[in-house]
């Protein structure tokens, strides 16, 4: 291949899978620590607005469908695995310069697979990070949820950033 062809050929962004694996390892490690060191439902105050509280979530985000008859466990496993396949395909097709999108995809992928592990092995997702303000309590979550949220945030910011760059390029070409 000549230099021009190599410049246009997309690099394999599968190298970003290290970030997904790191998220999975840290997530599962912190969940194991929380499960071994905390008593279920018993808050451990850390800050005036933050407790460590071990909880088990059989539903999705914010305990959506947690009261269902159990079918939701496998539904969420299949859904997360399907999304993971799509994310890996998307990651492979990214251009070399799309590093923010690659990092965002890796964070979302790692978070999704960390929670899938919990659903398959335990039948629920281990949550332990609990923020509150007076009588208002944010639903407990874990590091996988945090990675998914950060990844989605990066993706949204990157879309705005790319839109701004395209608008600037359009203005220059006029």
Protein backbone atom coordinates (compact mmCIF):
# COMPACT_ATOMS: atom_id res chain seq x y z
CA UNK A 1 0.00 0.00 0.00
CA UNK A 2 1.24 3.46 -0.76
CA UNK A 3 1.19 6.30 1.79
CA UNK A 4 -2.03 7.83 0.39
CA UNK A 5 -3.90 4.53 0.71
CA UNK A 6 -2.64 3.98 4.26
CA UNK A 7 -3.72 7.51 5.22
CA UNK A 8 -7.30 6.79 4.11
CA UNK A 9 -7.50 3.28 5.56
CA UNK A 10 -9.27 3.31 8.92
CA UNK A 11 -7.18 2.12 11.83
CA UNK A 12 -8.66 -0.63 13.93
CA UNK A 13 -10.39 1.08 16.79
CA UNK A 14 -10.73 -2.25 18.53
CA UNK A 15 -7.67 -1.12 20.47
CA UNK A 16 -10.23 0.82 22.57
CA UNK A 17 -11.52 -2.46 23.96
CA UNK A 18 -8.87 -2.13 26.70
CA UNK A 19 -11.01 0.66 28.15
CA UNK A 20 -14.11 -1.53 28.11
CA UNK A 21 -12.16 -4.31 29.85
CA UNK A 22 -10.87 -1.86 32.45
CA UNK A 23 -14.42 -0.67 33.16
CA UNK A 24 -15.60 -4.29 33.54
CA UNK A 25 -12.73 -5.17 35.89
CA UNK A 26 -13.12 -2.08 38.09
CA UNK A 27 -16.91 -2.43 38.12
CA UNK A 28 -16.91 -6.10 39.09
CA UNK A 29 -14.17 -5.52 41.65
CA UNK A 30 -16.06 -2.71 43.37
CA UNK A 31 -19.29 -4.72 43.30
CA UNK A 32 -17.51 -7.68 44.91
CA UNK A 33 -16.08 -5.39 47.59
CA UNK A 34 -19.46 -3.81 48.24
CA UNK A 35 -21.13 -7.23 48.44
CA UNK A 36 -18.54 -8.56 50.89
CA UNK A 37 -18.19 -5.47 53.09
CA UNK A 38 -21.69 -3.99 53.22
CA UNK A 39 -24.88 -5.34 54.75
CA UNK A 40 -27.83 -5.32 52.39
CA UNK A 41 -29.88 -2.14 52.69
CA UNK A 42 -27.80 -0.76 55.57
CA UNK A 43 -26.40 2.68 54.60
CA UNK A 44 -22.82 3.54 55.48
CA UNK A 45 -22.51 7.35 55.60
CA UNK A 46 -19.52 8.74 53.70
CA UNK A 47 -20.54 12.37 53.13
CA UNK A 48 -23.59 14.38 54.21
CA UNK A 49 -25.09 13.66 50.76
CA UNK A 50 -23.60 10.22 50.00
CA UNK A 51 -23.86 6.72 51.46
CA UNK A 52 -22.59 3.34 50.43
CA UNK A 53 -25.73 1.20 50.43
CA UNK A 54 -25.78 -2.33 49.04
CA UNK A 55 -28.90 -2.92 46.94
CA UNK A 56 -29.91 -5.46 44.29
CA UNK A 57 -31.70 -4.20 41.19
CA UNK A 58 -33.64 -6.79 39.17
CA UNK A 59 -34.90 -4.09 36.81
CA UNK A 60 -33.24 -1.60 34.50
CA UNK A 61 -32.21 1.98 35.17
CA UNK A 62 -33.99 3.46 38.18
CA UNK A 63 -35.39 -0.04 38.93
CA UNK A 64 -37.64 0.08 35.84
CA UNK A 65 -39.49 -3.27 35.63
CA UNK A 66 -37.95 -4.45 38.91
CA UNK A 67 -41.34 -5.75 40.03
CA UNK A 68 -41.88 -7.88 36.91
CA UNK A 69 -42.08 -11.67 37.20
CA UNK A 70 -38.46 -12.40 36.27
CA UNK A 71 -38.65 -12.30 32.47
CA UNK A 72 -36.91 -8.93 32.55
CA UNK A 73 -33.63 -10.55 33.63
CA UNK A 74 -33.14 -12.36 30.32
CA UNK A 75 -34.72 -9.57 28.31
CA UNK A 76 -32.10 -7.12 29.63
CA UNK A 77 -29.29 -9.67 29.09
CA UNK A 78 -30.29 -10.21 25.45
CA UNK A 79 -30.82 -6.48 24.91
CA UNK A 80 -27.41 -5.58 26.39
CA UNK A 81 -25.65 -8.28 24.37
CA UNK A 82 -27.33 -7.10 21.15
CA UNK A 83 -26.36 -3.49 21.90
CA UNK A 84 -22.80 -4.66 22.65
CA UNK A 85 -22.53 -6.34 19.24
CA UNK A 86 -23.76 -3.15 17.58
CA UNK A 87 -21.28 -1.06 19.60
CA UNK A 88 -18.35 -3.29 18.63
CA UNK A 89 -19.39 -3.06 14.97
CA UNK A 90 -19.62 0.72 15.26
CA UNK A 91 -16.24 0.87 16.98
CA UNK A 92 -14.64 -1.10 14.13
CA UNK A 93 -16.01 1.29 11.51
CA UNK A 94 -14.86 4.52 13.15
CA UNK A 95 -12.21 6.62 11.49
CA UNK A 96 -8.85 7.03 13.21
CA UNK A 97 -9.59 10.63 14.29
CA UNK A 98 -12.89 9.73 16.01
CA UNK A 99 -11.22 9.11 19.36
CA UNK A 100 -13.94 10.71 21.52
CA UNK A 101 -16.60 8.49 19.96
CA UNK A 102 -14.36 5.44 20.36
CA UNK A 103 -13.79 6.20 24.04
CA UNK A 104 -17.52 6.80 24.57
CA UNK A 105 -18.41 3.49 22.91
CA UNK A 106 -15.82 1.64 25.01
CA UNK A 107 -17.21 3.14 28.23
CA UNK A 108 -20.79 2.23 27.32
CA UNK A 109 -19.73 -1.26 26.24
CA UNK A 110 -17.79 -1.92 29.44
CA UNK A 111 -20.66 -0.68 31.60
CA UNK A 112 -23.24 -2.73 29.73
CA UNK A 113 -21.16 -5.91 29.99
CA UNK A 114 -20.42 -5.32 33.68
CA UNK A 115 -24.14 -5.21 34.38
CA UNK A 116 -24.80 -8.20 32.09
CA UNK A 117 -22.37 -10.25 34.18
CA UNK A 118 -24.39 -9.43 37.30
CA UNK A 119 -27.70 -10.33 35.66
CA UNK A 120 -26.41 -13.67 34.38
CA UNK A 121 -24.52 -14.70 37.54
CA UNK A 122 -26.69 -13.17 40.29
CA UNK A 123 -30.05 -12.49 38.65
CA UNK A 124 -29.77 -8.82 39.65
CA UNK A 125 -27.39 -5.89 39.33
CA UNK A 126 -25.38 -4.92 42.41
CA UNK A 127 -25.78 -1.23 43.22
CA UNK A 128 -24.07 0.57 46.09
CA UNK A 129 -23.53 4.27 45.30
CA UNK A 130 -26.34 6.23 46.94
CA UNK A 131 -26.68 10.02 46.72
CA UNK A 132 -29.41 11.96 48.50
CA UNK A 133 -30.42 15.42 49.62
CA UNK A 134 -32.50 15.62 52.78
CA UNK A 135 -35.50 13.33 52.05
CA UNK A 136 -34.82 13.08 48.30
CA UNK A 137 -32.87 9.96 47.29
CA UNK A 138 -31.35 9.38 43.88
CA UNK A 139 -31.61 5.69 42.89
CA UNK A 140 -28.53 3.71 43.88
CA UNK A 141 -26.14 2.85 41.07
CA UNK A 142 -22.70 1.35 40.40
CA UNK A 143 -19.56 2.07 38.38
CA UNK A 144 -20.95 0.34 35.28
CA UNK A 145 -23.87 2.78 35.33
CA UNK A 146 -21.39 5.62 35.79
CA UNK A 147 -19.34 4.49 32.77
CA UNK A 148 -22.49 4.24 30.64
CA UNK A 149 -23.57 7.74 31.68
CA UNK A 150 -20.13 9.26 31.08
CA UNK A 151 -19.90 7.49 27.71
CA UNK A 152 -23.32 8.79 26.66
CA UNK A 153 -22.35 12.29 27.82
CA UNK A 154 -19.12 12.20 25.82
CA UNK A 155 -21.04 11.01 22.78
CA UNK A 156 -23.57 13.86 23.08
CA UNK A 157 -20.82 16.47 23.57
CA UNK A 158 -18.92 15.04 20.60
CA UNK A 159 -22.02 15.34 18.40
CA UNK A 160 -22.33 19.02 19.33
CA UNK A 161 -18.62 19.53 18.78
CA UNK A 162 -18.77 17.87 15.36
CA UNK A 163 -21.85 19.93 14.41
CA UNK A 164 -19.98 23.10 15.32
CA UNK A 165 -16.96 22.05 13.23
CA UNK A 166 -19.20 21.25 10.24
CA UNK A 167 -20.91 24.65 10.56
CA UNK A 168 -17.51 26.39 10.67
CA UNK A 169 -16.33 24.44 7.60
CA UNK A 170 -19.55 25.35 5.75
CA UNK A 171 -19.08 29.04 6.63
CA UNK A 172 -15.48 28.97 5.35
CA UNK A 173 -16.48 27.37 2.06
CA UNK A 174 -19.05 30.07 1.26
